[in-house]
Amino acid sequence: MARRASRMASRCRHWLSDLSVSGRVGLTLVLLWLVLAAVGPLLAPYGVGAFVAPEVFDGMSARHWLGSDYMGRDVLSRLLSGARYTVGLALAAALLASGMGAGLALIATVSPRWVDEVISRLMDTLVSIPSKVFALVLVAAFGSSLTLLLLIAAATYTPGAFRIARALAVNLYQMDYVQVARARGEGRLYIAGAEILPNMIHPVLADFGLRFVFIVLLLSGLSFLGLGVQPPNADLGSLVRENISGLGDGALAILAPAIAIATLTIGVNLLIDALPGRGRRITGGR
């Protein structure tokens, strides 16, 4: 056990040493927001909905580090709470989208051609529907909820994940070691899980990071339109929308969540771009 932990620590140090400066900045930002999403509400100095400031759109002070919002609530407390919804929903939706996309791609690759055609045409149908229109119709029909937002985001980005994973899987399916496994009489599940998936995991993980960024922006856009997380809860997009009247004054209540969205998405992009071997693996997979 100790030897395994030592090897893991050595790999982590080697991986960090391979990261560029921009990659380390991205990793720092990503870890920061993951930690804030996990424990941020516990660190909030005030209740999320508590009216604690005598003035609206108040500036920075010792009591309110990021000032107050349009109703006199503490911006820092609401930001720490909103990060949990933004990061948590986006992370869960990205995992669903990438997982379903990769799973369907593996099924399509190792199955008969008609199965591949059915799955591919279904994905083409989904990708042709504008995400905002798709979300608007579903929210109007069923009402906004965290579960519905999760499913909308996952369904919207599953086709893109499927396309990339399928392109990788089809290319790997032609490799000699896969043909040898087929000649040995190995089943389709074994070929998909043991021969193809391990060799496409790095590009899929890089694509997962991009899906996460896209979903953060989608959920923030929906919340800005009033279709996302509903009051009294709020994500980062909701915080921007509800404090829009303070834009002319440059209030921190609107600048802070906007900067939070920017640093989260930029951090993920910097980390993805700096992943060692990312470009080589993706190019080879295509």
Protein backbone atom coordinates (compact mmCIF):
# COMPACT_ATOMS: atom_id res chain seq x y z
CA MET A 1 0.00 0.00 0.00
CA ALA A 2 2.79 2.39 0.94
CA ARG A 3 4.66 1.51 -2.26
CA ARG A 4 1.57 2.21 -4.34
CA ALA A 5 1.06 5.57 -2.62
CA SER A 6 4.72 6.41 -3.26
CA ARG A 7 4.36 5.60 -6.95
CA MET A 8 1.21 7.70 -7.15
CA ALA A 9 2.96 10.65 -5.49
CA SER A 10 5.90 10.28 -7.87
CA ARG A 11 3.59 10.30 -10.89
CA CYS A 12 1.82 13.41 -9.59
CA ARG A 13 5.13 15.22 -9.12
CA HIS A 14 6.24 14.20 -12.60
CA TRP A 15 2.91 15.35 -14.07
CA LEU A 16 3.16 18.70 -12.30
CA SER A 17 6.73 19.18 -13.47
CA ASP A 18 5.54 18.70 -17.07
CA LEU A 19 2.91 21.43 -16.75
CA SER A 20 3.68 24.83 -18.19
CA VAL A 21 3.24 28.02 -16.18
CA SER A 22 -0.18 28.59 -17.75
CA GLY A 23 -1.13 25.02 -16.92
CA ARG A 24 -0.21 25.52 -13.27
CA VAL A 25 -2.24 28.73 -13.18
CA GLY A 26 -5.18 26.84 -14.67
CA LEU A 27 -4.77 23.98 -12.20
CA THR A 28 -4.70 26.46 -9.30
CA LEU A 29 -7.90 28.16 -10.48
CA VAL A 30 -9.67 24.84 -11.03
CA LEU A 31 -8.70 23.51 -7.60
CA LEU A 32 -9.73 26.81 -6.00
CA TRP A 33 -13.23 26.65 -7.43
CA LEU A 34 -13.61 22.95 -6.67
CA VAL A 35 -12.72 23.63 -3.03
CA LEU A 36 -15.04 26.65 -2.87
CA ALA A 37 -17.86 24.61 -4.38
CA ALA A 38 -17.32 21.89 -1.79
CA VAL A 39 -16.88 23.95 1.38
CA GLY A 40 -17.76 27.50 0.33
CA PRO A 41 -21.21 27.66 1.98
CA LEU A 42 -19.60 26.59 5.27
CA LEU A 43 -17.22 29.55 5.02
CA ALA A 44 -19.93 32.09 4.21
CA PRO A 45 -19.95 34.83 6.89
CA TYR A 46 -23.74 35.35 6.61
CA GLY A 47 -26.81 33.45 5.60
CA VAL A 48 -27.46 33.33 1.87
CA GLY A 49 -30.74 35.24 2.10
CA ALA A 50 -29.97 37.40 5.14
CA PHE A 51 -30.39 41.18 4.78
CA VAL A 52 -27.26 42.38 6.54
CA ALA A 53 -26.26 45.69 4.91
CA PRO A 54 -28.06 49.02 5.43
CA GLU A 55 -27.26 50.14 1.86
CA VAL A 56 -27.80 48.37 -1.45
CA PHE A 57 -24.83 47.95 -3.79
CA ASP A 58 -22.53 48.93 -0.94
CA GLY A 59 -18.79 48.84 -1.60
CA MET A 60 -16.07 46.73 0.02
CA SER A 61 -15.76 46.96 3.77
CA ALA A 62 -14.41 44.98 6.71
CA ARG A 63 -17.86 43.48 7.31
CA HIS A 64 -18.70 42.83 3.65
CA TRP A 65 -15.59 42.00 1.65
CA LEU A 66 -17.43 42.11 -1.69
CA GLY A 67 -20.08 44.62 -0.69
CA SER A 68 -23.84 44.12 -0.76
CA ASP A 69 -26.30 43.29 -3.53
CA TYR A 70 -29.49 44.96 -4.74
CA MET A 71 -31.35 43.87 -1.58
CA GLY A 72 -28.62 44.49 0.98
CA ARG A 73 -27.43 40.89 1.16
CA ASP A 74 -23.76 39.92 1.50
CA VAL A 75 -22.28 39.30 -1.94
CA LEU A 76 -19.47 37.05 -0.70
CA SER A 77 -21.93 34.72 1.04
CA ARG A 78 -24.13 34.46 -2.04
CA LEU A 79 -21.08 33.98 -4.29
CA LEU A 80 -19.82 31.08 -2.16
CA SER A 81 -23.26 29.49 -2.27
CA GLY A 82 -23.73 30.12 -5.99
CA ALA A 83 -20.40 28.47 -6.83
CA ARG A 84 -21.73 25.18 -5.48
CA TYR A 85 -24.65 25.20 -7.93
CA THR A 86 -22.58 26.32 -10.92
CA VAL A 87 -19.64 23.95 -10.39
CA GLY A 88 -21.72 21.06 -9.04
CA LEU A 89 -24.32 21.09 -11.81
CA ALA A 90 -21.73 21.61 -14.55
CA LEU A 91 -19.49 18.85 -13.21
CA ALA A 92 -22.35 16.35 -12.91
CA ALA A 93 -23.72 17.24 -16.36
CA ALA A 94 -20.27 17.01 -17.97
CA LEU A 95 -19.72 13.59 -16.40
CA LEU A 96 -23.09 12.42 -17.72
CA ALA A 97 -22.49 13.87 -21.19
CA SER A 98 -18.97 12.49 -21.56
CA GLY A 99 -19.89 9.16 -20.00
CA MET A 100 -22.95 8.63 -22.19
CA GLY A 101 -21.14 9.92 -25.28
CA ALA A 102 -18.17 7.60 -24.79
CA GLY A 103 -20.38 4.65 -23.87
CA LEU A 104 -22.60 5.06 -26.92
CA ALA A 105 -19.53 5.52 -29.12
CA LEU A 106 -18.05 2.24 -27.91
CA ILE A 107 -21.36 0.46 -28.46
CA ALA A 108 -21.67 1.92 -31.96
CA THR A 109 -18.10 0.94 -32.84
CA VAL A 110 -18.22 -2.74 -31.82
CA SER A 111 -21.86 -3.38 -32.82
CA PRO A 112 -23.30 -4.21 -36.27
CA ARG A 113 -23.52 -1.36 -38.73
CA TRP A 114 -27.27 -0.79 -38.29
CA VAL A 115 -26.76 -0.08 -34.58
CA ASP A 116 -24.09 2.47 -35.43
CA GLU A 117 -26.44 4.11 -37.94
CA VAL A 118 -29.32 4.34 -35.47
CA ILE A 119 -27.19 5.85 -32.71
CA SER A 120 -25.40 8.25 -35.06
CA ARG A 121 -28.66 9.53 -36.60
CA LEU A 122 -30.13 10.03 -33.12
CA MET A 123 -27.09 12.07 -32.09
CA ASP A 124 -27.31 14.09 -35.32
CA THR A 125 -30.95 14.88 -34.51
CA LEU A 126 -30.10 16.08 -31.00
CA VAL A 127 -27.17 18.21 -32.13
CA SER A 128 -29.36 20.03 -34.67
CA ILE A 129 -31.62 21.44 -31.91
CA PRO A 130 -30.39 24.83 -30.56
CA SER A 131 -29.55 24.41 -26.88
CA LYS A 132 -31.34 27.56 -25.70
CA VAL A 133 -34.53 26.67 -27.61
CA PHE A 134 -34.35 23.10 -26.30
CA ALA A 135 -33.99 24.38 -22.74
CA LEU A 136 -36.77 26.95 -23.14
CA VAL A 137 -39.26 24.34 -24.38
CA LEU A 138 -38.48 21.90 -21.58
CA VAL A 139 -38.53 24.54 -18.84
CA ALA A 140 -41.84 25.89 -20.15
CA ALA A 141 -43.29 22.38 -20.19
CA PHE A 142 -41.98 21.02 -16.88
CA GLY A 143 -40.81 24.04 -14.88
CA SER A 144 -37.25 24.79 -13.84
CA SER A 145 -35.58 22.41 -11.39
CA LEU A 146 -32.04 21.28 -10.67
CA THR A 147 -32.77 17.81 -12.06
CA LEU A 148 -34.19 19.22 -15.29
CA LEU A 149 -31.23 21.59 -15.73
CA LEU A 150 -28.86 18.67 -15.23
CA LEU A 151 -30.65 16.57 -17.85
CA ILE A 152 -30.88 19.47 -20.32
CA ALA A 153 -27.15 20.19 -20.08
CA ALA A 154 -26.23 16.51 -20.34
CA ALA A 155 -28.51 15.89 -23.32
CA THR A 156 -27.27 19.01 -25.10
CA TYR A 157 -23.59 18.03 -25.01
CA THR A 158 -23.81 14.25 -25.27
CA PRO A 159 -23.86 14.35 -29.13
CA GLY A 160 -20.60 16.32 -29.26
CA ALA A 161 -18.92 13.93 -26.84
CA PHE A 162 -20.25 11.00 -28.89
CA ARG A 163 -18.82 12.35 -32.14
CA ILE A 164 -15.31 12.78 -30.75
CA ALA A 165 -15.34 9.45 -28.89
CA ARG A 166 -16.68 7.60 -31.92
CA ALA A 167 -13.98 9.06 -34.18
CA LEU A 168 -11.35 7.85 -31.72
CA ALA A 169 -12.96 4.44 -31.22
CA VAL A 170 -13.42 3.73 -34.94
CA ASN A 171 -9.76 4.51 -35.58
CA LEU A 172 -8.60 2.32 -32.68
CA TYR A 173 -10.90 -0.52 -33.81
CA GLN A 174 -8.72 -0.92 -36.91
CA MET A 175 -5.52 -1.35 -34.90
CA ASP A 176 -3.65 -4.66 -34.98
CA TYR A 177 -4.04 -5.42 -31.27
CA VAL A 178 -7.84 -5.13 -31.61
CA GLN A 179 -7.83 -7.46 -34.60
CA VAL A 180 -5.74 -9.93 -32.61
CA ALA A 181 -8.26 -9.78 -29.77
CA ARG A 182 -11.08 -10.45 -32.24
CA ALA A 183 -9.12 -13.37 -33.71
CA ARG A 184 -8.75 -14.80 -30.19
CA GLY A 185 -12.52 -14.82 -29.95
CA GLU A 186 -12.86 -12.03 -27.39
CA GLY A 187 -16.34 -10.62 -26.95
CA ARG A 188 -17.45 -7.13 -27.93
CA LEU A 189 -17.64 -5.91 -24.34
CA TYR A 190 -14.07 -7.02 -23.70
CA ILE A 191 -12.78 -5.33 -26.86
CA ALA A 192 -14.61 -2.10 -26.03
CA GLY A 193 -13.62 -1.99 -22.36
CA ALA A 194 -10.14 -3.52 -22.36
CA GLU A 195 -8.71 -2.74 -25.79
CA ILE A 196 -10.32 0.50 -27.03
CA LEU A 197 -11.33 2.53 -23.97
CA PRO A 198 -7.91 2.65 -22.23
CA ASN A 199 -6.30 3.96 -25.42
CA MET A 200 -8.82 6.77 -25.92
CA ILE A 201 -9.18 7.89 -22.31
CA HIS A 202 -6.77 10.85 -22.50
CA PRO A 203 -8.51 12.63 -25.40
CA VAL A 204 -11.89 11.86 -23.82
CA LEU A 205 -10.75 13.46 -20.56
CA ALA A 206 -9.56 16.53 -22.47
CA ASP A 207 -12.94 16.72 -24.20
CA PHE A 208 -14.62 16.34 -20.80
CA GLY A 209 -12.91 19.54 -19.69
CA LEU A 210 -14.26 21.37 -22.72
CA ARG A 211 -17.75 20.01 -22.08
CA PHE A 212 -17.51 21.34 -18.53
CA VAL A 213 -16.70 24.83 -19.80
CA PHE A 214 -19.53 24.74 -22.34
CA ILE A 215 -22.00 23.61 -19.69
CA VAL A 216 -20.90 26.33 -17.24
CA LEU A 217 -21.61 28.91 -19.93
CA LEU A 218 -24.92 27.27 -20.88
CA LEU A 219 -26.18 27.15 -17.30
CA SER A 220 -25.01 30.70 -16.64
CA GLY A 221 -26.79 31.87 -19.79
CA LEU A 222 -30.00 30.09 -18.79
CA SER A 223 -29.85 31.63 -15.31
CA PHE A 224 -29.27 35.07 -16.82
CA LEU A 225 -32.46 34.56 -18.85
CA GLY A 226 -34.34 33.49 -15.72
CA LEU A 227 -34.55 29.82 -16.78
CA GLY A 228 -31.86 28.44 -14.50
CA VAL A 229 -31.57 28.04 -10.74
CA GLN A 230 -34.59 29.67 -9.17
CA PRO A 231 -34.80 31.96 -6.07
CA PRO A 232 -34.09 31.83 -3.20
CA ASN A 233 -31.18 29.73 -4.53
CA ALA A 234 -28.80 31.26 -7.07
CA ASP A 235 -25.87 30.23 -9.20
CA LEU A 236 -23.27 32.59 -10.64
CA GLY A 237 -25.41 33.41 -13.67
CA SER A 238 -28.37 34.24 -11.44
CA LEU A 239 -26.20 36.59 -9.38
CA VAL A 240 -25.30 38.52 -12.51
CA ARG A 241 -28.94 38.75 -13.63
CA GLU A 242 -30.42 39.85 -10.30
CA ASN A 243 -27.85 42.63 -9.85
CA ILE A 244 -27.99 43.94 -13.42
CA SER A 245 -29.31 47.31 -12.18
CA GLY A 246 -25.92 47.94 -10.57
CA LEU A 247 -24.04 47.66 -13.85
CA GLY A 248 -23.99 51.41 -14.43
CA ASP A 249 -22.32 51.96 -11.07
CA GLY A 250 -19.82 49.14 -11.54
CA ALA A 251 -21.14 47.43 -8.40
CA LEU A 252 -19.16 44.50 -7.03
CA ALA A 253 -22.43 42.58 -6.78
CA ILE A 254 -22.41 42.16 -10.58
CA LEU A 255 -18.65 42.25 -11.20
CA ALA A 256 -17.79 39.52 -8.67
CA PRO A 257 -19.93 36.71 -10.16
CA ALA A 258 -18.95 37.72 -13.70
CA ILE A 259 -15.26 37.51 -12.76
CA ALA A 260 -15.94 34.19 -11.02
CA ILE A 261 -17.42 32.70 -14.21
CA ALA A 262 -14.49 34.04 -16.23
CA THR A 263 -11.79 32.66 -13.90
CA LEU A 264 -13.48 29.26 -13.72
CA THR A 265 -13.76 28.84 -17.50
CA ILE A 266 -10.32 30.33 -18.22
CA GLY A 267 -8.74 28.09 -15.59
CA VAL A 268 -10.22 24.94 -17.12
CA ASN A 269 -9.13 26.01 -20.62
CA LEU A 270 -5.59 26.76 -19.48
CA LEU A 271 -5.35 23.38 -17.79
CA ILE A 272 -6.70 21.50 -20.81
CA ASP A 273 -4.35 23.28 -23.21
CA ALA A 274 -1.36 22.45 -21.00
CA LEU A 275 -2.09 18.74 -20.55
CA PRO A 276 1.06 16.80 -21.57
CA GLY A 277 0.54 14.93 -24.82
CA ARG A 278 -2.99 16.23 -25.35
CA GLY A 279 -2.49 17.40 -28.91
CA ARG A 280 -0.55 14.29 -29.92
CA ARG A 281 -3.15 11.90 -28.56
CA ILE A 282 -6.16 13.67 -30.03
CA THR A 283 -4.54 14.02 -33.44
CA GLY A 284 -3.51 10.38 -33.44
CA GLY A 285 -7.02 9.33 -32.44
CA ARG A 286 -8.58 11.03 -35.40
